[in-house]
C-alpha atoms as a PDB file:
ATOM      1  CA  MET A   1      10.436 -18.915  -7.163  1.00  0.00           C
ATOM      2  CA  THR A   2       7.361 -18.125  -9.453  1.00  0.00           C
ATOM      3  CA  TRP A   3       5.716 -14.641  -9.543  1.00  0.00           C
ATOM      4  CA  ASP A   4       3.587 -14.776 -12.351  1.00  0.00           C
ATOM      5  CA  SER A   5       2.793 -12.175 -14.642  1.00  0.00           C
ATOM      6  CA  ILE A   6      -0.251  -9.933 -14.707  1.00  0.00           C
ATOM      7  CA  GLU A   7      -1.849  -8.534 -17.675  1.00  0.00           C
ATOM      8  CA  LEU A   8      -3.070  -4.810 -17.462  1.00  0.00           C
ATOM      9  CA  ASN A   9      -6.131  -3.789 -19.284  1.00  0.00           C
ATOM     10  CA  ASP A  10      -4.106  -2.463 -21.873  1.00  0.00           C
ATOM     11  CA  GLY A  11      -2.672  -5.657 -22.859  1.00  0.00           C
ATOM     12  CA  ASN A  12       0.580  -5.258 -21.344  1.00  0.00           C
ATOM     13  CA  LEU A  13       2.124  -7.427 -19.237  1.00  0.00           C
ATOM     14  CA  ILE A  14       4.289  -6.990 -15.347  1.00  0.00           C
ATOM     15  CA  PRO A  15       5.534  -9.313 -13.137  1.00  0.00           C
ATOM     16  CA  SER A  16       3.784  -9.559  -9.653  1.00  0.00           C
ATOM     17  CA  ILE A  17       6.642  -8.556  -7.952  1.00  0.00           C
ATOM     18  CA  GLY A  18       8.320  -5.418  -9.029  1.00  0.00           C
ATOM     19  CA  TYR A  19       8.499  -3.780 -12.446  1.00  0.00           C
ATOM     20  CA  ASP A  20      10.460  -1.905 -14.888  1.00  0.00           C
ATOM     21  CA  GLU A  21       9.799   1.474 -13.869  1.00  0.00           C
ATOM     22  CA  ALA A  22      10.481   2.922 -17.471  1.00  0.00           C
ATOM     23  CA  SER A  23       7.524   0.651 -18.723  1.00  0.00           C
ATOM     24  CA  LEU A  24       4.774   2.670 -15.987  1.00  0.00           C
ATOM     25  CA  CYS A  25       4.068   6.401 -15.961  1.00  0.00           C
ATOM     26  CA  SER A  26       2.643   6.863 -12.599  1.00  0.00           C
ATOM     27  CA  ILE A  27       0.502   9.863 -11.962  1.00  0.00           C
ATOM     28  CA  ASP A  28       0.257  10.831  -8.074  1.00  0.00           C
ATOM     29  CA  SER A  29      -2.792  13.309  -8.106  1.00  0.00           C
ATOM     30  CA  LEU A  30      -6.267  13.518  -9.602  1.00  0.00           C
ATOM     31  CA  GLU A  31      -5.422  17.104 -10.631  1.00  0.00           C
ATOM     32  CA  HIS A  32      -2.526  15.962 -12.407  1.00  0.00           C
ATOM     33  CA  ALA A  33      -4.533  13.434 -13.973  1.00  0.00           C
ATOM     34  CA  GLN A  34      -7.487  15.835 -14.744  1.00  0.00           C
ATOM     35  CA  ARG A  35      -5.275  18.684 -16.400  1.00  0.00           C
ATOM     36  CA  SER A  36      -3.605  16.156 -18.363  1.00  0.00           C
ATOM     37  CA  ASP A  37      -4.533  14.175 -21.641  1.00  0.00           C
ATOM     38  CA  LEU A  38      -3.601  10.680 -20.368  1.00  0.00           C
ATOM     39  CA  SER A  39      -3.063   9.239 -24.108  1.00  0.00           C
ATOM     40  CA  THR A  40      -0.899  11.959 -24.858  1.00  0.00           C
ATOM     41  CA  GLN A  41       1.510  11.240 -22.343  1.00  0.00           C
ATOM     42  CA  LEU A  42       1.070   7.363 -23.178  1.00  0.00           C
ATOM     43  CA  ARG A  43       2.943   8.664 -26.190  1.00  0.00           C
ATOM     44  CA  ASP A  44       4.687  11.524 -25.822  1.00  0.00           C
ATOM     45  CA  LEU A  45       6.616   9.802 -22.581  1.00  0.00           C
ATOM     46  CA  GLU A  46       7.265   6.752 -24.325  1.00  0.00           C
ATOM     47  CA  THR A  47       5.724   4.624 -21.577  1.00  0.00           C
ATOM     48  CA  GLY A  48       3.989   1.401 -21.915  1.00  0.00           C
ATOM     49  CA  SER A  49       1.343   2.046 -19.362  1.00  0.00           C
ATOM     50  CA  ILE A  50      -0.369   4.434 -17.460  1.00  0.00           C
ATOM     51  CA  GLY A  51      -0.373   4.421 -13.624  1.00  0.00           C
ATOM     52  CA  VAL A  52      -2.014   6.339 -10.842  1.00  0.00           C
ATOM     53  CA  SER A  53      -0.594   6.239  -7.315  1.00  0.00           C
ATOM     54  CA  ASN A  54      -3.028   6.684  -3.668  1.00  0.00           C
ATOM     55  CA  PHE A  55      -6.245   6.976  -5.991  1.00  0.00           C
ATOM     56  CA  GLY A  56      -9.484   6.159  -3.935  1.00  0.00           C
ATOM     57  CA  VAL A  57     -12.709   4.817  -5.361  1.00  0.00           C
ATOM     58  CA  GLU A  58     -13.960   8.846  -5.646  1.00  0.00           C
ATOM     59  CA  ASP A  59     -10.516   9.713  -7.309  1.00  0.00           C
ATOM     60  CA  LEU A  60     -11.220   7.186  -9.731  1.00  0.00           C
ATOM     61  CA  LYS A  61     -14.726   8.125 -10.380  1.00  0.00           C
ATOM     62  CA  THR A  62     -14.024  11.368 -11.380  1.00  0.00           C
ATOM     63  CA  LEU A  63     -10.710  10.273 -13.535  1.00  0.00           C
ATOM     64  CA  PHE A  64     -13.441   7.891 -15.386  1.00  0.00           C
ATOM     65  CA  LYS A  65     -15.551  11.382 -15.943  1.00  0.00           C
ATOM     66  CA  SER A  66     -12.932  12.696 -18.287  1.00  0.00           C
ATOM     67  CA  ALA A  67     -10.091  10.243 -19.121  1.00  0.00           C
ATOM     68  CA  LYS A  68      -9.916   9.203 -22.373  1.00  0.00           C
ATOM     69  CA  ILE A  69      -8.164   5.730 -21.158  1.00  0.00           C
ATOM     70  CA  LYS A  70      -8.516   3.981 -17.681  1.00  0.00           C
ATOM     71  CA  PRO A  71      -5.194   3.772 -15.707  1.00  0.00           C
ATOM     72  CA  ALA A  72      -3.859   0.413 -15.969  1.00  0.00           C
ATOM     73  CA  VAL A  73      -2.458   0.041 -12.227  1.00  0.00           C
ATOM     74  CA  ASN A  74      -2.942   2.070  -9.027  1.00  0.00           C
ATOM     75  CA  GLN A  75      -0.578   2.279  -6.580  1.00  0.00           C
ATOM     76  CA  ILE A  76      -1.331   2.330  -2.477  1.00  0.00           C
ATOM     77  CA  LEU A  77      -0.380   1.418   0.871  1.00  0.00           C
ATOM     78  CA  LEU A  78      -1.438  -2.065   1.463  1.00  0.00           C
ATOM     79  CA  HIS A  79      -0.521  -4.353   4.363  1.00  0.00           C
ATOM     80  CA  PRO A  80      -2.818  -6.143   7.041  1.00  0.00           C
ATOM     81  CA  TYR A  81      -3.270  -3.178   9.275  1.00  0.00           C
ATOM     82  CA  VAL A  82      -4.616  -1.283   6.466  1.00  0.00           C
ATOM     83  CA  TYR A  83      -6.057  -3.734   4.280  1.00  0.00           C
ATOM     84  CA  GLU A  84      -9.884  -3.197   5.876  1.00  0.00           C
ATOM     85  CA  LYS A  85      -9.487   0.337   5.249  1.00  0.00           C
ATOM     86  CA  GLN A  86      -8.155  -0.255   1.927  1.00  0.00           C
ATOM     87  CA  LYS A  87     -10.745  -2.720   0.848  1.00  0.00           C
ATOM     88  CA  PRO A  88     -13.318  -0.702  -1.069  1.00  0.00           C
ATOM     89  CA  ILE A  89     -10.532   0.996  -3.544  1.00  0.00           C
ATOM     90  CA  ILE A  90      -8.921  -2.841  -3.519  1.00  0.00           C
ATOM     91  CA  GLU A  91     -12.119  -4.099  -5.189  1.00  0.00           C
ATOM     92  CA  TYR A  92     -13.194  -1.002  -6.839  1.00  0.00           C
ATOM     93  CA  SER A  93     -10.342  -1.507  -9.157  1.00  0.00           C
ATOM     94  CA  LYS A  94     -10.263  -5.108  -9.653  1.00  0.00           C
ATOM     95  CA  LYS A  95     -14.437  -4.387 -10.462  1.00  0.00           C
ATOM     96  CA  HIS A  96     -12.611  -1.640 -13.312  1.00  0.00           C
ATOM     97  CA  GLY A  97      -9.637  -3.849 -14.880  1.00  0.00           C
ATOM     98  CA  ILE A  98      -7.259  -1.830 -12.756  1.00  0.00           C
ATOM     99  CA  VAL A  99      -4.147  -4.162 -11.123  1.00  0.00           C
ATOM    100  CA  ILE A 100      -3.329  -2.987  -7.575  1.00  0.00           C
ATOM    101  CA  GLU A 101       0.241  -2.334  -6.510  1.00  0.00           C
ATOM    102  CA  ALA A 102       1.082  -2.478  -3.090  1.00  0.00           C
ATOM    103  CA  TYR A 103       4.113  -0.624  -1.361  1.00  0.00           C
ATOM    104  CA  SER A 104       5.038  -0.841   2.157  1.00  0.00           C
ATOM    105  CA  ALA A 105       3.887  -4.306   2.578  1.00  0.00           C
ATOM    106  CA  LEU A 106       6.609  -5.551   4.897  1.00  0.00           C
ATOM    107  CA  SER A 107       5.662  -2.403   7.007  1.00  0.00           C
ATOM    108  CA  PRO A 108       4.113  -4.414   9.713  1.00  0.00           C
ATOM    109  CA  LEU A 109       7.806  -5.942  10.225  1.00  0.00           C
ATOM    110  CA  THR A 110       9.676  -2.739   9.302  1.00  0.00           C
ATOM    111  CA  THR A 111       8.436   0.458  10.893  1.00  0.00           C
ATOM    112  CA  LEU A 112       5.094  -1.389  13.194  1.00  0.00           C
ATOM    113  CA  PRO A 113       7.119  -4.067  14.851  1.00  0.00           C
ATOM    114  CA  GLY A 114       5.573  -5.896  17.794  1.00  0.00           C
ATOM    115  CA  GLY A 115       1.774  -5.532  17.133  1.00  0.00           C
ATOM    116  CA  PRO A 116      -0.858  -8.308  16.763  1.00  0.00           C
ATOM    117  CA  LEU A 117       0.643  -9.630  13.297  1.00  0.00           C
ATOM    118  CA  GLU A 118       4.108 -10.462  14.784  1.00  0.00           C
ATOM    119  CA  LYS A 119       2.648 -13.940  16.602  1.00  0.00           C
ATOM    120  CA  PRO A 120       0.788 -15.410  13.867  1.00  0.00           C
ATOM    121  CA  LEU A 121       3.536 -14.091  11.204  1.00  0.00           C
ATOM    122  CA  ASN A 122       6.065 -16.285  13.146  1.00  0.00           C
ATOM    123  CA  GLU A 123       3.975 -19.145  13.493  1.00  0.00           C
ATOM    124  CA  ILE A 124       2.725 -19.441  10.052  1.00  0.00           C
ATOM    125  CA  ALA A 125       6.403 -19.304   8.770  1.00  0.00           C
ATOM    126  CA  GLU A 126       7.824 -22.075  11.193  1.00  0.00           C
ATOM    127  CA  ARG A 127       5.438 -24.019   9.999  1.00  0.00           C
ATOM    128  CA  LYS A 128       6.399 -23.466   6.358  1.00  0.00           C
ATOM    129  CA  ASN A 129      10.316 -23.175   7.275  1.00  0.00           C
ATOM    130  CA  VAL A 130      10.239 -19.700   5.480  1.00  0.00           C
ATOM    131  CA  THR A 131      10.338 -16.118   7.012  1.00  0.00           C
ATOM    132  CA  PRO A 132       7.918 -13.791   8.387  1.00  0.00           C
ATOM    133  CA  GLU A 133       8.371 -11.297   5.987  1.00  0.00           C
ATOM    134  CA  GLN A 134       7.972 -14.018   2.893  1.00  0.00           C
ATOM    135  CA  ILE A 135       4.347 -14.825   4.767  1.00  0.00           C
ATOM    136  CA  LEU A 136       3.764 -11.352   4.235  1.00  0.00           C
ATOM    137  CA  LEU A 137       4.567 -11.027   0.719  1.00  0.00           C
ATOM    138  CA  ALA A 138       2.400 -14.318   0.260  1.00  0.00           C
ATOM    139  CA  TRP A 139      -0.341 -12.592   1.772  1.00  0.00           C
ATOM    140  CA  THR A 140      -0.184  -9.697  -0.532  1.00  0.00           C
ATOM    141  CA  LYS A 141       0.130 -11.979  -3.380  1.00  0.00           C
ATOM    142  CA  ALA A 142      -3.283 -13.706  -2.041  1.00  0.00           C
ATOM    143  CA  LYS A 143      -5.333 -10.354  -2.366  1.00  0.00           C
ATOM    144  CA  GLY A 144      -4.547  -9.864  -5.848  1.00  0.00           C
ATOM    145  CA  ALA A 145      -1.724  -7.493  -5.511  1.00  0.00           C
ATOM    146  CA  VAL A 146       1.675  -6.590  -7.333  1.00  0.00           C
ATOM    147  CA  VAL A 147       4.544  -6.177  -4.842  1.00  0.00           C
ATOM    148  CA  LEU A 148       6.628  -3.329  -4.718  1.00  0.00           C
ATOM    149  CA  THR A 149       9.315  -3.855  -2.741  1.00  0.00           C
ATOM    150  CA  THR A 150      12.895  -3.492  -2.602  1.00  0.00           C
ATOM    151  CA  SER A 151      16.312  -3.827  -0.478  1.00  0.00           C
ATOM    152  CA  SER A 152      20.032  -3.337  -0.803  1.00  0.00           C
ATOM    153  CA  LYS A 153      21.106  -6.904   0.948  1.00  0.00           C
ATOM    154  CA  LYS A 154      20.966  -9.652  -2.218  1.00  0.00           C
ATOM    155  CA  LYS A 155      19.808 -12.235   0.713  1.00  0.00           C
ATOM    156  CA  ARG A 156      16.849 -10.640   1.493  1.00  0.00           C
ATOM    157  CA  LEU A 157      16.067  -9.900  -2.434  1.00  0.00           C
ATOM    158  CA  GLU A 158      16.766 -13.701  -2.937  1.00  0.00           C
ATOM    159  CA  ARG A 159      13.979 -14.209   0.003  1.00  0.00           C
ATOM    160  CA  TYR A 160      11.392 -12.076  -1.400  1.00  0.00           C
ATOM    161  CA  LEU A 161      11.835 -14.219  -5.039  1.00  0.00           C
ATOM    162  CA  ASP A 162      11.494 -17.237  -3.105  1.00  0.00           C
ATOM    163  CA  ALA A 163       7.941 -16.379  -1.806  1.00  0.00           C
ATOM    164  CA  GLY A 164       6.661 -16.294  -5.025  1.00  0.00           C
ATOM    165  CA  ASP A 165       6.118 -19.979  -4.980  1.00  0.00           C
ATOM    166  CA  LEU A 166       4.589 -19.807  -1.260  1.00  0.00           C
ATOM    167  CA  LYS A 167       0.746 -20.457  -0.771  1.00  0.00           C
ATOM    168  CA  LEU A 168      -1.312 -19.482   2.038  1.00  0.00           C
ATOM    169  CA  SER A 169      -4.594 -21.267   2.856  1.00  0.00           C
ATOM    170  CA  ASP A 170      -7.304 -19.890   3.439  1.00  0.00           C
ATOM    171  CA  GLU A 171      -7.435 -19.618   7.399  1.00  0.00           C
ATOM    172  CA  GLU A 172      -4.017 -18.672   7.591  1.00  0.00           C
ATOM    173  CA  ILE A 173      -4.943 -15.836   4.865  1.00  0.00           C
ATOM    174  CA  LYS A 174      -7.881 -15.122   7.679  1.00  0.00           C
ATOM    175  CA  THR A 175      -5.807 -15.051  10.860  1.00  0.00           C
ATOM    176  CA  ILE A 176      -3.422 -12.720   9.078  1.00  0.00           C
ATOM    177  CA  ASP A 177      -6.583 -10.542   8.400  1.00  0.00           C
ATOM    178  CA  ASP A 178      -7.937 -10.601  11.632  1.00  0.00           C
ATOM    179  CA  ALA A 179      -4.847  -9.796  13.508  1.00  0.00           C
ATOM    180  CA  GLY A 180      -3.919  -6.814  11.229  1.00  0.00           C
ATOM    181  CA  ALA A 181      -7.888  -5.721  11.725  1.00  0.00           C
ATOM    182  CA  ARG A 182      -6.890  -5.789  15.721  1.00  0.00           C
ATOM    183  CA  GLY A 183      -3.852  -3.924  14.817  1.00  0.00           C
ATOM    184  CA  ALA A 184      -5.332  -1.095  12.894  1.00  0.00           C
ATOM    185  CA  SER A 185      -7.544   0.104  15.972  1.00  0.00           C
ATOM    186  CA  ARG A 186      -4.350   0.170  18.068  1.00  0.00           C
ATOM    187  CA  ILE A 187      -2.413   2.089  15.369  1.00  0.00           C
ATOM    188  CA  GLN A 188      -5.943   4.483  15.158  1.00  0.00           C
ATOM    189  CA  LEU A 189      -5.786   4.992  19.122  1.00  0.00           C
ATOM    190  CA  LYS A 190      -1.795   5.483  19.057  1.00  0.00           C
ATOM    191  CA  GLU A 191      -2.511   8.488  16.246  1.00  0.00           C
ATOM    192  CA  ILE A 192      -5.330   9.824  18.387  1.00  0.00           C
ATOM    193  CA  GLY A 193      -3.003  10.099  21.395  1.00  0.00           C
ATOM    194  CA  LYS A 194      -0.169  11.610  19.561  1.00  0.00           C
ATOM    195  CA  ARG A 195      -2.551  14.533  18.251  1.00  0.00           C
ATOM    196  CA  LEU A 196      -4.004  14.952  21.546  1.00  0.00           C
ATOM    197  CA  ALA A 197      -0.364  14.949  22.808  1.00  0.00           C
ATOM    198  CA  TRP A 198       0.612  18.030  20.265  1.00  0.00           C
ATOM    199  CA  VAL A 199      -2.737  20.076  21.171  1.00  0.00           C
ATOM    200  CA  GLY A 200      -1.840  20.081  24.830  1.00  0.00           C
ATOM    201  CA  LEU A 201       1.806  20.812  24.065  1.00  0.00           C
ATOM    202  CA  LEU A 202       0.632  23.514  22.020  1.00  0.00           C
ATOM    203  CA  GLY A 203      -2.144  24.538  24.725  1.00  0.00           C
ATOM    204  CA  ALA A 204       0.892  24.515  27.295  1.00  0.00           C
ATOM    205  CA  LEU A 205       3.285  26.908  25.355  1.00  0.00           C
ATOM    206  CA  ALA A 206       0.543  29.009  24.394  1.00  0.00           C
ATOM    207  CA  VAL A 207      -0.508  29.293  28.178  1.00  0.00           C
ATOM    208  CA  GLY A 208       3.274  30.137  28.914  1.00  0.00           C
ATOM    209  CA  PHE A 209       3.689  32.852  26.402  1.00  0.00           C
ATOM    210  CA  SER A 210       0.844  34.388  27.673  1.00  0.00           C
ATOM    211  CA  LEU A 211       2.300  34.317  31.293  1.00  0.00           C
ATOM    212  CA  PHE A 212       5.434  35.673  30.036  1.00  0.00           C
ATOM    213  CA  SER A 213       4.653  38.207  27.864  1.00  0.00           C
ATOM    214  CA  GLY A 214       1.090  39.164  29.553  1.00  0.00           C
ATOM    215  CA  VAL A 215      -0.488  38.862  26.167  1.00  0.00           C
ATOM    216  CA  ASP A 216      -4.049  37.150  26.022  1.00  0.00           C
ATOM    217  CA  VAL A 217      -3.923  34.466  23.633  1.00  0.00           C
ATOM    218  CA  PHE A 218      -7.039  32.971  24.107  1.00  0.00           C
END
């Protein structure tokens, strides 16, 4: 159950699954980062490293113009359904020595079950005699990201740790990538459908109010 340590750009080490949160000060908005002297926060909060959360490429470019030190970690949403969308910030962070920390890595199984990933994850897991969640964690590690996850169940946490030794082939990674890309399109269509449904509902309510009250709302 080997999860290697990753060296940050400030020389500190963190494990590639989880970390001691006290050792990392995370800043979740560009405005906060621009107002703050990151080096002062590092000293005053007695933290080992500075991290940012959900920063995109343009956010980091803007931050670099004023920051005296670079953040060591960028914590972002990362799983196969959002990989293509997140690829630019993953590559940009890597280029500048910033470690990507992935949260919600297991979302395709927990909050978005039954999508295009289900079949390949189950097939790969069966071949390797592991669980689909372990395959997702191995995929995340293969993308060079630190995995941030938790569970209240001891056995599940043990499975997470056991995934540290799991290696995926290039073909398996591509299979997961492709299924994730197909799922991303479906999720996008669902979101558009939800928005249109809300617009339709609001329109119907407005018409109903207009008819009931005699007030012209259009």
